[in-house]
Amino acid sequence: MIPSIETKFSCPTSKTDLWNMHPRIFLEFDNAGYAKCPYCGTVFQKKEKDSVIY
């Protein structure tokens, strides 16, 4: 999940394994709070401001 204050972010992330790397692209969330990378298919979800992730 990406913090709600972020409007643009990139894929691959710093946590991506070397074998799964592709050219860095910048993504934006849609109105529903999701974004999908066209290269690797990773789906990103916007984290609600007050939610806690364990």
N, C-alpha and C. Protein backbone atom coordinates (compact mmCIF):
# COMPACT_ATOMS: atom_id res chain seq x y z
N MET A 1 0.84 -1.18 0.00
CA MET A 1 0.00 0.00 0.00
C MET A 1 0.88 1.24 0.00
N ILE A 2 0.43 2.25 -0.68
CA ILE A 2 1.15 3.51 -0.79
C ILE A 2 0.43 4.53 0.10
N PRO A 3 1.18 5.32 0.89
CA PRO A 3 0.53 6.32 1.75
C PRO A 3 -0.38 7.25 0.96
N SER A 4 -1.48 7.69 1.58
CA SER A 4 -2.49 8.49 0.89
C SER A 4 -1.98 9.86 0.47
N ILE A 5 -0.88 10.33 1.05
CA ILE A 5 -0.36 11.65 0.67
C ILE A 5 0.39 11.61 -0.65
N GLU A 6 0.78 10.41 -1.10
CA GLU A 6 1.50 10.26 -2.37
C GLU A 6 0.51 10.30 -3.53
N THR A 7 0.82 11.08 -4.54
CA THR A 7 -0.03 11.10 -5.73
C THR A 7 0.65 10.42 -6.91
N LYS A 8 1.97 10.45 -6.95
CA LYS A 8 2.73 9.77 -8.00
C LYS A 8 3.79 8.92 -7.32
N PHE A 9 4.08 7.78 -7.92
CA PHE A 9 5.09 6.88 -7.38
C PHE A 9 5.64 6.07 -8.55
N SER A 10 6.69 5.31 -8.31
CA SER A 10 7.31 4.59 -9.42
C SER A 10 7.28 3.08 -9.19
N CYS A 11 7.37 2.38 -10.28
CA CYS A 11 7.50 0.94 -10.31
C CYS A 11 8.64 0.64 -11.27
N PRO A 12 9.56 -0.23 -10.95
CA PRO A 12 9.59 -1.09 -9.78
C PRO A 12 9.96 -0.32 -8.52
N THR A 13 9.56 -0.88 -7.38
CA THR A 13 9.88 -0.26 -6.10
C THR A 13 11.27 -0.70 -5.64
N SER A 14 11.73 -0.13 -4.57
CA SER A 14 13.05 -0.50 -4.03
C SER A 14 13.05 -1.91 -3.47
N LYS A 15 11.88 -2.50 -3.25
CA LYS A 15 11.78 -3.87 -2.71
C LYS A 15 11.68 -4.93 -3.80
N THR A 16 11.69 -4.52 -5.05
CA THR A 16 11.56 -5.47 -6.17
C THR A 16 12.84 -6.27 -6.32
N ASP A 17 12.68 -7.59 -6.50
CA ASP A 17 13.83 -8.46 -6.73
C ASP A 17 14.50 -8.13 -8.06
N LEU A 18 15.81 -8.33 -8.13
CA LEU A 18 16.58 -7.99 -9.32
C LEU A 18 16.04 -8.70 -10.57
N TRP A 19 15.63 -9.96 -10.45
CA TRP A 19 15.14 -10.71 -11.61
C TRP A 19 13.82 -10.14 -12.14
N ASN A 20 13.12 -9.34 -11.34
CA ASN A 20 11.82 -8.83 -11.74
C ASN A 20 11.87 -7.35 -12.14
N MET A 21 13.06 -6.82 -12.39
CA MET A 21 13.20 -5.41 -12.73
C MET A 21 12.74 -5.13 -14.17
N HIS A 22 12.30 -3.92 -14.39
CA HIS A 22 11.92 -3.42 -15.70
C HIS A 22 12.19 -1.93 -15.71
N PRO A 23 12.05 -1.25 -16.83
CA PRO A 23 12.29 0.20 -16.84
C PRO A 23 11.39 0.91 -15.82
N ARG A 24 11.93 1.90 -15.13
CA ARG A 24 11.17 2.63 -14.13
C ARG A 24 10.12 3.50 -14.81
N ILE A 25 8.90 3.39 -14.34
CA ILE A 25 7.82 4.23 -14.82
C ILE A 25 7.11 4.86 -13.63
N PHE A 26 6.49 5.99 -13.84
CA PHE A 26 5.75 6.66 -12.79
C PHE A 26 4.27 6.45 -13.00
N LEU A 27 3.58 6.13 -11.93
CA LEU A 27 2.15 5.81 -11.98
C LEU A 27 1.37 6.79 -11.13
N GLU A 28 0.07 6.90 -11.42
CA GLU A 28 -0.85 7.70 -10.63
C GLU A 28 -2.05 6.84 -10.30
N PHE A 29 -2.66 7.09 -9.14
CA PHE A 29 -3.85 6.36 -8.75
C PHE A 29 -5.05 6.79 -9.56
N ASP A 30 -5.96 5.84 -9.81
CA ASP A 30 -7.24 6.20 -10.43
C ASP A 30 -8.19 6.71 -9.34
N ASN A 31 -9.41 7.03 -9.70
CA ASN A 31 -10.36 7.58 -8.73
C ASN A 31 -10.72 6.60 -7.62
N ALA A 32 -10.57 5.31 -7.88
CA ALA A 32 -10.87 4.28 -6.89
C ALA A 32 -9.70 4.02 -5.94
N GLY A 33 -8.53 4.62 -6.23
CA GLY A 33 -7.36 4.45 -5.37
C GLY A 33 -6.45 3.30 -5.75
N TYR A 34 -6.50 2.89 -7.03
CA TYR A 34 -5.66 1.79 -7.52
C TYR A 34 -4.82 2.24 -8.71
N ALA A 35 -3.71 1.54 -8.91
CA ALA A 35 -2.86 1.73 -10.09
C ALA A 35 -2.25 0.38 -10.43
N LYS A 36 -2.11 0.09 -11.71
CA LYS A 36 -1.53 -1.18 -12.15
C LYS A 36 -0.37 -0.91 -13.09
N CYS A 37 0.76 -1.55 -12.82
CA CYS A 37 1.94 -1.39 -13.66
C CYS A 37 1.74 -2.16 -14.97
N PRO A 38 1.91 -1.50 -16.12
CA PRO A 38 1.73 -2.19 -17.40
C PRO A 38 2.85 -3.19 -17.71
N TYR A 39 4.00 -3.07 -17.05
CA TYR A 39 5.11 -3.99 -17.30
C TYR A 39 4.95 -5.30 -16.53
N CYS A 40 4.80 -5.19 -15.20
CA CYS A 40 4.82 -6.40 -14.38
C CYS A 40 3.46 -6.79 -13.82
N GLY A 41 2.46 -5.91 -13.96
CA GLY A 41 1.13 -6.23 -13.49
C GLY A 41 0.89 -6.00 -12.01
N THR A 42 1.88 -5.45 -11.30
CA THR A 42 1.70 -5.18 -9.88
C THR A 42 0.58 -4.17 -9.70
N VAL A 43 -0.33 -4.47 -8.76
CA VAL A 43 -1.43 -3.58 -8.46
C VAL A 43 -1.10 -2.85 -7.16
N PHE A 44 -1.16 -1.54 -7.22
CA PHE A 44 -0.89 -0.70 -6.04
C PHE A 44 -2.21 -0.15 -5.54
N GLN A 45 -2.33 -0.08 -4.21
CA GLN A 45 -3.53 0.45 -3.58
C GLN A 45 -3.15 1.60 -2.67
N LYS A 46 -3.94 2.64 -2.73
CA LYS A 46 -3.70 3.80 -1.89
C LYS A 46 -4.09 3.46 -0.45
N LYS A 47 -3.20 3.72 0.48
CA LYS A 47 -3.45 3.47 1.89
C LYS A 47 -4.30 4.60 2.45
N GLU A 48 -5.37 4.25 3.14
CA GLU A 48 -6.20 5.26 3.77
C GLU A 48 -5.40 5.96 4.86
N LYS A 49 -5.68 7.21 5.08
CA LYS A 49 -4.90 8.05 5.99
C LYS A 49 -4.79 7.45 7.39
N ASP A 50 -5.87 6.88 7.92
CA ASP A 50 -5.86 6.40 9.29
C ASP A 50 -5.70 4.90 9.42
N SER A 51 -5.50 4.19 8.32
CA SER A 51 -5.42 2.72 8.41
C SER A 51 -4.03 2.29 8.91
N VAL A 52 -4.02 1.15 9.52
CA VAL A 52 -2.78 0.58 10.05
C VAL A 52 -2.54 -0.74 9.34
N ILE A 53 -1.33 -0.97 8.89
CA ILE A 53 -0.97 -2.21 8.21
C ILE A 53 -0.07 -3.01 9.14
N TYR A 54 -0.42 -4.27 9.34
CA TYR A 54 0.38 -5.15 10.20
C TYR A 54 1.15 -6.13 9.37
